[in-house]
Every structure is written in C-alpha cells, then in structure tokens.
C-alpha cells in the first residue's frame, strides 16, 4: 500500500512566492499543499490539520514567523519539520530561528529542490525510522 503524500503548509505573505512554491510542491513533487498568507492563518491551519512540514517566512504580518514556529511547536503533539525562509539574511540570526523551533534556515530565493529534499528526508525518517 502506498503511503499518503507528504503534507506541507506554506506560510508566506507574498502571494506570488507562496503560490509558486505551493504549485511546484503540489504539481512537480506530488505533495498535499496548503497556503496561509499571514502568520495567524498559518498557526490556525497548522493546529487545525497538522502537516508533515511547514515552510514559513520569518517576516510575516499579524504573527511573526518566529512566533508561528513557537505556537506550532507548543500546540501540536508531534512537531512537524519547520523550515524558515527569509529575504533578510543576517537580520534574524539562525540561532533565533532554531530556538523558536525551526529545523532549517533558508535565504530567499530558496531552492525548491532543497525544500523537496528536506521534506522527503523528514517524511522518510518519521514514517520508516532513521535514514
């Protein structure tokens, strides 16, 4: 029996960036992808239907990306893979992102194939054990 596709939540306030990444992950990779365009909507979506992975911008309206990660980690029994995205390299230290719960830190424009690799490794590890 095939396992279900990985579920990914993209939290990004730039609609073009969010939609193009979601389209790649959905059509080219086959993931089940949802999009939230601000931090509050991202937290709500993640808590309502926990994804395997969250790709989250750091500078978000309504709820800052670091706070999004903290609320997701605090609100879910199983922590999803958390990938931080930022266009502001050096402004928000990677250490702050890791302290908030992010597993990875990518500077925009992030390579969608790198995101795919990180999600695939996470799903393989969590569904079958260590790789």
C-alpha atoms as a PDB file:
ATOM      1  CA  UNK A   1       0.000   0.000   0.000  1.00  0.00           C
ATOM      2  CA  UNK A   2       1.352   3.424  -0.949  1.00  0.00           C
ATOM      3  CA  UNK A   3       1.780   5.904   1.847  1.00  0.00           C
ATOM      4  CA  UNK A   4      -0.078   9.203   1.549  1.00  0.00           C
ATOM      5  CA  UNK A   5       1.772  12.149   0.046  1.00  0.00           C
ATOM      6  CA  UNK A   6       3.621  14.455   2.395  1.00  0.00           C
ATOM      7  CA  UNK A   7       1.522  17.357   3.622  1.00  0.00           C
ATOM      8  CA  UNK A   8       3.153  20.782   3.533  1.00  0.00           C
ATOM      9  CA  UNK A   9       1.913  24.126   4.795  1.00  0.00           C
ATOM     10  CA  UNK A  10       3.475  27.170   3.110  1.00  0.00           C
ATOM     11  CA  UNK A  11       3.186  30.329   5.244  1.00  0.00           C
ATOM     12  CA  UNK A  12       4.239  33.315   3.143  1.00  0.00           C
ATOM     13  CA  UNK A  13       2.753  36.804   2.812  1.00  0.00           C
ATOM     14  CA  UNK A  14       3.917  37.355  -0.776  1.00  0.00           C
ATOM     15  CA  UNK A  15       1.192  35.644  -2.823  1.00  0.00           C
ATOM     16  CA  UNK A  16       3.412  35.126  -5.884  1.00  0.00           C
ATOM     17  CA  UNK A  17       6.144  33.463  -3.816  1.00  0.00           C
ATOM     18  CA  UNK A  18       3.662  31.379  -1.809  1.00  0.00           C
ATOM     19  CA  UNK A  19       1.657  30.246  -4.803  1.00  0.00           C
ATOM     20  CA  UNK A  20       4.656  29.404  -6.994  1.00  0.00           C
ATOM     21  CA  UNK A  21       6.292  27.316  -4.247  1.00  0.00           C
ATOM     22  CA  UNK A  22       2.985  25.611  -3.498  1.00  0.00           C
ATOM     23  CA  UNK A  23       2.442  24.906  -7.193  1.00  0.00           C
ATOM     24  CA  UNK A  24       5.913  23.332  -7.508  1.00  0.00           C
ATOM     25  CA  UNK A  25       5.459  21.186  -4.395  1.00  0.00           C
ATOM     26  CA  UNK A  26       1.967  20.120  -5.467  1.00  0.00           C
ATOM     27  CA  UNK A  27       2.464  19.501  -9.208  1.00  0.00           C
ATOM     28  CA  UNK A  28       6.133  18.582  -9.568  1.00  0.00           C
ATOM     29  CA  UNK A  29       6.543  16.662  -6.318  1.00  0.00           C
ATOM     30  CA  UNK A  30       3.020  15.454  -5.530  1.00  0.00           C
ATOM     31  CA  UNK A  31       2.695  16.842  -2.011  1.00  0.00           C
ATOM     32  CA  UNK A  32      -0.607  17.815  -0.410  1.00  0.00           C
ATOM     33  CA  UNK A  33      -0.020  21.572  -0.060  1.00  0.00           C
ATOM     34  CA  UNK A  34      -1.919  24.325   1.716  1.00  0.00           C
ATOM     35  CA  UNK A  35      -1.036  28.020   1.812  1.00  0.00           C
ATOM     36  CA  UNK A  36      -1.521  30.664   4.501  1.00  0.00           C
ATOM     37  CA  UNK A  37      -0.742  34.293   3.690  1.00  0.00           C
ATOM     38  CA  UNK A  38      -0.049  35.560   7.231  1.00  0.00           C
ATOM     39  CA  UNK A  39       1.273  34.205  10.497  1.00  0.00           C
ATOM     40  CA  UNK A  40      -2.058  33.968  12.311  1.00  0.00           C
ATOM     41  CA  UNK A  41      -3.608  31.990   9.447  1.00  0.00           C
ATOM     42  CA  UNK A  42      -0.525  29.768   9.374  1.00  0.00           C
ATOM     43  CA  UNK A  43      -0.790  28.883  13.057  1.00  0.00           C
ATOM     44  CA  UNK A  44      -4.529  28.254  12.727  1.00  0.00           C
ATOM     45  CA  UNK A  45      -4.045  25.999   9.675  1.00  0.00           C
ATOM     46  CA  UNK A  46      -1.213  24.008  11.277  1.00  0.00           C
ATOM     47  CA  UNK A  47      -3.102  23.420  14.520  1.00  0.00           C
ATOM     48  CA  UNK A  48      -6.359  22.508  12.740  1.00  0.00           C
ATOM     49  CA  UNK A  49      -4.761  19.959  10.394  1.00  0.00           C
ATOM     50  CA  UNK A  50      -1.128  19.225  11.359  1.00  0.00           C
ATOM     51  CA  UNK A  51       1.170  18.997   8.333  1.00  0.00           C
ATOM     52  CA  UNK A  52       4.315  16.924   7.918  1.00  0.00           C
ATOM     53  CA  UNK A  53       6.234  20.131   7.199  1.00  0.00           C
ATOM     54  CA  UNK A  54       5.823  23.893   7.430  1.00  0.00           C
ATOM     55  CA  UNK A  55       7.749  26.247   5.159  1.00  0.00           C
ATOM     56  CA  UNK A  56       7.442  29.610   6.877  1.00  0.00           C
ATOM     57  CA  UNK A  57       8.596  33.121   6.072  1.00  0.00           C
ATOM     58  CA  UNK A  58      10.126  34.949   9.029  1.00  0.00           C
ATOM     59  CA  UNK A  59       8.789  38.471   8.366  1.00  0.00           C
ATOM     60  CA  UNK A  60       5.038  37.925   8.401  1.00  0.00           C
ATOM     61  CA  UNK A  61       2.082  40.175   9.175  1.00  0.00           C
ATOM     62  CA  UNK A  62      -0.177  39.517  12.184  1.00  0.00           C
ATOM     63  CA  UNK A  63       2.117  36.912  13.811  1.00  0.00           C
ATOM     64  CA  UNK A  64       5.896  36.990  13.261  1.00  0.00           C
ATOM     65  CA  UNK A  65       7.419  33.814  11.780  1.00  0.00           C
ATOM     66  CA  UNK A  66       9.443  33.027  14.920  1.00  0.00           C
ATOM     67  CA  UNK A  67       6.231  33.179  16.951  1.00  0.00           C
ATOM     68  CA  UNK A  68       4.464  30.995  14.351  1.00  0.00           C
ATOM     69  CA  UNK A  69       7.063  28.287  14.967  1.00  0.00           C
ATOM     70  CA  UNK A  70       6.785  28.611  18.746  1.00  0.00           C
ATOM     71  CA  UNK A  71       2.987  28.335  18.660  1.00  0.00           C
ATOM     72  CA  UNK A  72       3.055  25.319  16.323  1.00  0.00           C
ATOM     73  CA  UNK A  73       5.614  23.514  18.486  1.00  0.00           C
ATOM     74  CA  UNK A  74       3.631  24.313  21.661  1.00  0.00           C
ATOM     75  CA  UNK A  75       0.275  23.395  20.136  1.00  0.00           C
ATOM     76  CA  UNK A  76       0.996  20.049  18.457  1.00  0.00           C
ATOM     77  CA  UNK A  77       1.816  16.672  19.967  1.00  0.00           C
ATOM     78  CA  UNK A  78       4.065  15.786  17.024  1.00  0.00           C
ATOM     79  CA  UNK A  79       6.344  18.569  15.781  1.00  0.00           C
ATOM     80  CA  UNK A  80       6.338  18.968  12.006  1.00  0.00           C
ATOM     81  CA  UNK A  81       9.502  19.766  10.102  1.00  0.00           C
ATOM     82  CA  UNK A  82       9.866  23.562  10.309  1.00  0.00           C
ATOM     83  CA  UNK A  83      11.755  25.338   7.533  1.00  0.00           C
ATOM     84  CA  UNK A  84      12.370  29.082   7.953  1.00  0.00           C
ATOM     85  CA  UNK A  85      12.575  31.328   4.896  1.00  0.00           C
ATOM     86  CA  UNK A  86      13.855  34.878   4.949  1.00  0.00           C
ATOM     87  CA  UNK A  87      14.853  37.541   2.484  1.00  0.00           C
ATOM     88  CA  UNK A  88      16.640  39.365   5.292  1.00  0.00           C
ATOM     89  CA  UNK A  89      19.846  37.372   5.523  1.00  0.00           C
ATOM     90  CA  UNK A  90      21.776  38.326   8.651  1.00  0.00           C
ATOM     91  CA  UNK A  91      18.976  40.364  10.217  1.00  0.00           C
ATOM     92  CA  UNK A  92      17.404  37.455  12.068  1.00  0.00           C
ATOM     93  CA  UNK A  93      20.109  35.114  13.312  1.00  0.00           C
ATOM     94  CA  UNK A  94      19.729  31.467  12.553  1.00  0.00           C
ATOM     95  CA  UNK A  95      20.152  30.774  16.287  1.00  0.00           C
ATOM     96  CA  UNK A  96      16.904  32.667  16.999  1.00  0.00           C
ATOM     97  CA  UNK A  97      15.092  30.586  14.391  1.00  0.00           C
ATOM     98  CA  UNK A  98      16.409  27.338  15.867  1.00  0.00           C
ATOM     99  CA  UNK A  99      15.442  28.493  19.386  1.00  0.00           C
ATOM    100  CA  UNK A 100      11.898  29.133  18.102  1.00  0.00           C
ATOM    101  CA  UNK A 101      11.712  25.546  16.801  1.00  0.00           C
ATOM    102  CA  UNK A 102      12.850  25.786  13.182  1.00  0.00           C
ATOM    103  CA  UNK A 103      14.867  22.819  11.926  1.00  0.00           C
ATOM    104  CA  UNK A 104      16.296  24.575   8.863  1.00  0.00           C
ATOM    105  CA  UNK A 105      17.028  28.160   7.766  1.00  0.00           C
ATOM    106  CA  UNK A 106      16.959  29.112   4.076  1.00  0.00           C
ATOM    107  CA  UNK A 107      17.565  32.509   2.499  1.00  0.00           C
ATOM    108  CA  UNK A 108      15.234  33.624  -0.295  1.00  0.00           C
ATOM    109  CA  UNK A 109      15.003  32.845  -3.047  1.00  0.00           C
ATOM    110  CA  UNK A 110      15.074  29.341  -1.620  1.00  0.00           C
ATOM    111  CA  UNK A 111      15.806  26.453  -3.949  1.00  0.00           C
ATOM    112  CA  UNK A 112      12.535  24.486  -4.206  1.00  0.00           C
ATOM    113  CA  UNK A 113      14.547  21.305  -4.806  1.00  0.00           C
ATOM    114  CA  UNK A 114      16.316  21.861  -1.476  1.00  0.00           C
ATOM    115  CA  UNK A 115      12.918  22.188   0.216  1.00  0.00           C
ATOM    116  CA  UNK A 116      11.779  18.998  -1.507  1.00  0.00           C
ATOM    117  CA  UNK A 117      14.895  17.161  -0.290  1.00  0.00           C
ATOM    118  CA  UNK A 118      14.412  18.332   3.314  1.00  0.00           C
ATOM    119  CA  UNK A 119      10.739  17.314   3.325  1.00  0.00           C
ATOM    120  CA  UNK A 120      11.468  13.932   1.724  1.00  0.00           C
ATOM    121  CA  UNK A 121      14.208  13.168   4.270  1.00  0.00           C
ATOM    122  CA  UNK A 122      11.913  14.159   7.132  1.00  0.00           C
ATOM    123  CA  UNK A 123       8.983  12.080   5.879  1.00  0.00           C
ATOM    124  CA  UNK A 124      11.204   9.060   5.237  1.00  0.00           C
ATOM    125  CA  UNK A 125      12.721   9.357   8.721  1.00  0.00           C
ATOM    126  CA  UNK A 126       9.392   9.823  10.515  1.00  0.00           C
ATOM    127  CA  UNK A 127       7.493   7.163   8.593  1.00  0.00           C
ATOM    128  CA  UNK A 128      10.173   4.458   8.459  1.00  0.00           C
ATOM    129  CA  UNK A 129      12.731   5.307  11.127  1.00  0.00           C
ATOM    130  CA  UNK A 130      16.232   6.818  10.844  1.00  0.00           C
ATOM    131  CA  UNK A 131      17.768   7.008   7.379  1.00  0.00           C
END
